[in-house]
């Protein structure tokens, strides 16, 4: 019972990430680190490894939210079928 509840809570968290990420095409490193509750350094490591994609624009690093959703999906955090979370 406890594991089912924890799994449901985890799915809700990732669904919230997905919903927020879909609102914007590009977000800053600060915004992504705050949204996912990870350090800025962790975001930069994901960029360096190519796990997520980003660009430099006016001396800022912007992250493609589509690549973040794909990263979460590839890690098994999201299950997407035709753009709908199941």
N, C-alpha and C. Protein backbone atom coordinates (compact mmCIF):
# COMPACT_ATOMS: atom_id res chain seq x y z
N UNK A 1 0.84 -1.19 0.00
CA UNK A 1 0.00 0.00 0.00
C UNK A 1 0.88 1.26 0.00
N UNK A 2 1.90 1.25 0.84
CA UNK A 2 2.79 2.42 0.94
C UNK A 2 3.50 2.68 -0.38
N UNK A 3 3.98 1.62 -1.03
CA UNK A 3 4.69 1.81 -2.30
C UNK A 3 3.76 2.33 -3.38
N UNK A 4 2.50 1.88 -3.37
CA UNK A 4 1.53 2.39 -4.35
C UNK A 4 1.30 3.88 -4.15
N UNK A 5 1.21 4.31 -2.89
CA UNK A 5 1.00 5.72 -2.59
C UNK A 5 2.23 6.54 -3.00
N UNK A 6 3.42 6.02 -2.75
CA UNK A 6 4.65 6.72 -3.13
C UNK A 6 4.75 6.82 -4.65
N UNK A 7 4.37 5.74 -5.35
CA UNK A 7 4.42 5.75 -6.81
C UNK A 7 3.45 6.78 -7.37
N UNK A 8 2.25 6.86 -6.79
CA UNK A 8 1.25 7.84 -7.23
C UNK A 8 1.74 9.25 -6.99
N UNK A 9 2.35 9.50 -5.82
CA UNK A 9 2.89 10.83 -5.51
C UNK A 9 3.99 11.19 -6.50
N UNK A 10 4.86 10.22 -6.83
CA UNK A 10 5.95 10.47 -7.77
C UNK A 10 5.40 10.78 -9.16
N UNK A 11 4.38 10.03 -9.59
CA UNK A 11 3.76 10.29 -10.89
C UNK A 11 3.14 11.68 -10.93
N UNK A 12 2.51 12.09 -9.81
CA UNK A 12 1.91 13.43 -9.75
C UNK A 12 2.98 14.51 -9.88
N UNK A 13 4.12 14.31 -9.24
CA UNK A 13 5.21 15.29 -9.32
C UNK A 13 5.68 15.43 -10.75
N UNK A 14 5.90 14.30 -11.44
CA UNK A 14 6.39 14.38 -12.81
C UNK A 14 5.33 14.91 -13.76
N UNK A 15 4.06 14.64 -13.49
CA UNK A 15 3.00 15.20 -14.31
C UNK A 15 2.99 16.73 -14.16
N UNK A 16 3.25 17.20 -12.94
CA UNK A 16 3.34 18.64 -12.69
C UNK A 16 4.51 19.25 -13.46
N UNK A 17 5.68 18.55 -13.47
CA UNK A 17 6.83 19.02 -14.25
C UNK A 17 6.42 19.16 -15.71
N UNK A 18 5.78 18.11 -16.25
CA UNK A 18 5.41 18.09 -17.65
C UNK A 18 4.45 19.24 -17.97
N UNK A 19 3.47 19.44 -17.12
CA UNK A 19 2.49 20.52 -17.34
C UNK A 19 3.17 21.88 -17.35
N UNK A 20 4.05 22.12 -16.39
CA UNK A 20 4.76 23.40 -16.34
C UNK A 20 5.70 23.58 -17.52
N UNK A 21 6.37 22.50 -17.92
CA UNK A 21 7.31 22.60 -19.03
C UNK A 21 6.59 22.86 -20.35
N UNK A 22 5.37 22.38 -20.49
CA UNK A 22 4.62 22.59 -21.72
C UNK A 22 4.18 24.04 -21.90
N UNK A 23 4.18 24.81 -20.82
CA UNK A 23 3.76 26.21 -20.88
C UNK A 23 4.75 27.07 -21.67
N UNK A 24 6.00 26.69 -21.67
CA UNK A 24 7.05 27.49 -22.31
C UNK A 24 7.90 26.60 -23.20
N UNK A 25 8.42 27.16 -24.28
CA UNK A 25 9.33 26.43 -25.16
C UNK A 25 10.76 26.49 -24.62
N UNK A 26 11.15 27.62 -24.08
CA UNK A 26 12.50 27.81 -23.55
C UNK A 26 12.42 28.30 -22.11
N UNK A 27 13.26 27.75 -21.23
CA UNK A 27 13.34 28.23 -19.85
C UNK A 27 14.81 28.38 -19.47
N UNK A 28 15.05 29.14 -18.44
CA UNK A 28 16.42 29.38 -17.99
C UNK A 28 16.91 28.23 -17.10
N UNK A 29 18.20 28.19 -16.89
CA UNK A 29 18.79 27.20 -15.99
C UNK A 29 18.22 27.38 -14.59
N UNK A 30 18.10 28.62 -14.15
CA UNK A 30 17.53 28.89 -12.82
C UNK A 30 16.12 28.34 -12.70
N UNK A 31 15.30 28.59 -13.73
CA UNK A 31 13.91 28.13 -13.69
C UNK A 31 13.82 26.61 -13.66
N UNK A 32 14.64 25.94 -14.47
CA UNK A 32 14.60 24.48 -14.51
C UNK A 32 15.10 23.89 -13.19
N UNK A 33 16.15 24.46 -12.64
CA UNK A 33 16.67 23.93 -11.37
C UNK A 33 15.64 24.10 -10.26
N UNK A 34 14.93 25.21 -10.27
CA UNK A 34 13.89 25.44 -9.27
C UNK A 34 12.70 24.50 -9.49
N UNK A 35 12.29 24.36 -10.73
CA UNK A 35 11.14 23.51 -11.06
C UNK A 35 11.38 22.06 -10.69
N UNK A 36 12.58 21.56 -10.99
CA UNK A 36 12.87 20.15 -10.74
C UNK A 36 13.54 19.91 -9.39
N UNK A 37 13.78 20.97 -8.64
CA UNK A 37 14.41 20.89 -7.33
C UNK A 37 15.77 20.19 -7.41
N UNK A 38 16.56 20.65 -8.38
CA UNK A 38 17.94 20.18 -8.52
C UNK A 38 18.85 21.41 -8.59
N UNK A 39 20.13 21.19 -8.41
CA UNK A 39 21.05 22.32 -8.44
C UNK A 39 21.27 22.82 -9.87
N UNK A 40 21.73 24.05 -9.97
CA UNK A 40 22.07 24.61 -11.28
C UNK A 40 23.20 23.80 -11.91
N UNK A 41 24.12 23.37 -11.09
CA UNK A 41 25.24 22.56 -11.58
C UNK A 41 24.73 21.27 -12.23
N UNK A 42 23.71 20.66 -11.63
CA UNK A 42 23.13 19.44 -12.20
C UNK A 42 22.52 19.72 -13.56
N UNK A 43 21.89 20.88 -13.71
CA UNK A 43 21.32 21.26 -15.01
C UNK A 43 22.44 21.40 -16.04
N UNK A 44 23.53 22.06 -15.65
CA UNK A 44 24.66 22.22 -16.57
C UNK A 44 25.27 20.86 -16.93
N UNK A 45 25.32 19.93 -15.98
CA UNK A 45 25.85 18.60 -16.28
C UNK A 45 24.96 17.88 -17.30
N UNK A 46 23.64 18.03 -17.16
CA UNK A 46 22.72 17.43 -18.13
C UNK A 46 22.94 18.03 -19.52
N UNK A 47 23.20 19.34 -19.55
CA UNK A 47 23.50 19.99 -20.83
C UNK A 47 24.82 19.48 -21.42
N UNK A 48 25.84 19.37 -20.58
CA UNK A 48 27.15 18.92 -21.04
C UNK A 48 27.11 17.50 -21.58
N UNK A 49 26.33 16.63 -20.93
CA UNK A 49 26.22 15.24 -21.37
C UNK A 49 25.34 15.10 -22.61
N UNK A 50 24.58 16.14 -22.92
CA UNK A 50 23.66 16.06 -24.06
C UNK A 50 22.32 15.44 -23.70
N UNK A 51 22.06 15.27 -22.42
CA UNK A 51 20.79 14.69 -21.99
C UNK A 51 19.63 15.63 -22.27
N UNK A 52 19.88 16.93 -22.15
CA UNK A 52 18.91 17.95 -22.51
C UNK A 52 19.59 18.94 -23.44
N UNK A 53 18.79 19.68 -24.18
CA UNK A 53 19.35 20.61 -25.16
C UNK A 53 19.12 22.05 -24.73
N UNK A 54 20.06 22.90 -25.09
CA UNK A 54 19.94 24.31 -24.78
C UNK A 54 20.73 25.16 -25.75
N UNK A 55 20.52 26.45 -25.67
CA UNK A 55 21.24 27.40 -26.52
C UNK A 55 21.72 28.55 -25.65
N UNK A 56 22.71 29.27 -26.14
CA UNK A 56 23.13 30.51 -25.50
C UNK A 56 22.47 31.64 -26.25
N UNK A 57 21.87 32.54 -25.50
CA UNK A 57 21.19 33.68 -26.10
C UNK A 57 21.39 34.89 -25.20
N UNK A 58 21.99 35.92 -25.74
CA UNK A 58 22.27 37.15 -24.98
C UNK A 58 22.92 36.84 -23.64
N UNK A 59 23.98 36.06 -23.69
CA UNK A 59 24.77 35.72 -22.51
C UNK A 59 23.98 34.92 -21.46
N UNK A 60 22.94 34.24 -21.90
CA UNK A 60 22.15 33.38 -21.01
C UNK A 60 22.03 32.01 -21.65
N UNK A 61 21.86 31.00 -20.84
CA UNK A 61 21.64 29.65 -21.34
C UNK A 61 20.15 29.35 -21.23
N UNK A 62 19.53 29.05 -22.37
CA UNK A 62 18.12 28.69 -22.40
C UNK A 62 17.99 27.21 -22.73
N UNK A 63 17.05 26.55 -22.06
CA UNK A 63 16.88 25.13 -22.22
C UNK A 63 15.58 24.85 -22.95
N UNK A 64 15.67 23.95 -23.92
CA UNK A 64 14.52 23.52 -24.70
C UNK A 64 13.68 22.58 -23.83
N UNK A 65 12.46 23.00 -23.50
CA UNK A 65 11.63 22.20 -22.60
C UNK A 65 11.23 20.86 -23.23
N UNK A 66 11.15 20.81 -24.53
CA UNK A 66 10.83 19.54 -25.20
C UNK A 66 11.89 18.50 -24.89
N UNK A 67 13.15 18.93 -24.86
CA UNK A 67 14.23 17.99 -24.56
C UNK A 67 14.16 17.51 -23.10
N UNK A 68 13.67 18.37 -22.21
CA UNK A 68 13.53 17.97 -20.80
C UNK A 68 12.42 16.92 -20.67
N UNK A 69 11.31 17.14 -21.37
CA UNK A 69 10.22 16.17 -21.33
C UNK A 69 10.71 14.84 -21.90
N UNK A 70 11.46 14.88 -22.99
CA UNK A 70 12.01 13.66 -23.58
C UNK A 70 12.96 12.97 -22.60
N UNK A 71 13.80 13.76 -21.93
CA UNK A 71 14.73 13.20 -20.94
C UNK A 71 13.96 12.49 -19.82
N UNK A 72 12.92 13.13 -19.30
CA UNK A 72 12.12 12.52 -18.22
C UNK A 72 11.44 11.25 -18.73
N UNK A 73 10.97 11.28 -19.96
CA UNK A 73 10.33 10.10 -20.55
C UNK A 73 11.34 8.96 -20.70
N UNK A 74 12.51 9.27 -21.22
CA UNK A 74 13.55 8.25 -21.40
C UNK A 74 13.99 7.64 -20.08
N UNK A 75 13.95 8.42 -19.01
CA UNK A 75 14.33 7.93 -17.68
C UNK A 75 13.21 7.13 -17.04
N UNK A 76 12.04 7.09 -17.67
CA UNK A 76 10.92 6.32 -17.12
C UNK A 76 10.07 7.11 -16.14
N UNK A 77 10.27 8.41 -16.10
CA UNK A 77 9.50 9.25 -15.18
C UNK A 77 8.14 9.63 -15.76
N UNK A 78 8.04 9.63 -17.08
CA UNK A 78 6.80 9.97 -17.77
C UNK A 78 6.48 8.88 -18.77
N UNK A 79 5.21 8.56 -18.90
CA UNK A 79 4.75 7.65 -19.93
C UNK A 79 3.84 8.44 -20.86
N UNK A 80 4.29 8.66 -22.07
CA UNK A 80 3.53 9.46 -23.01
C UNK A 80 3.04 8.60 -24.17
N UNK A 81 1.78 8.77 -24.49
CA UNK A 81 1.21 8.12 -25.67
C UNK A 81 0.43 9.18 -26.41
N UNK A 82 0.88 9.52 -27.59
CA UNK A 82 0.23 10.53 -28.42
C UNK A 82 0.03 11.84 -27.66
N UNK A 83 1.02 12.22 -26.87
CA UNK A 83 0.99 13.49 -26.17
C UNK A 83 0.15 13.52 -24.92
N UNK A 84 -0.36 12.36 -24.49
CA UNK A 84 -1.19 12.30 -23.29
C UNK A 84 -0.46 11.49 -22.25
N UNK A 85 -0.38 11.99 -21.04
CA UNK A 85 0.28 11.27 -19.96
C UNK A 85 -0.65 10.19 -19.45
N UNK A 86 -0.13 8.95 -19.38
CA UNK A 86 -0.96 7.86 -18.85
C UNK A 86 -0.35 7.29 -17.60
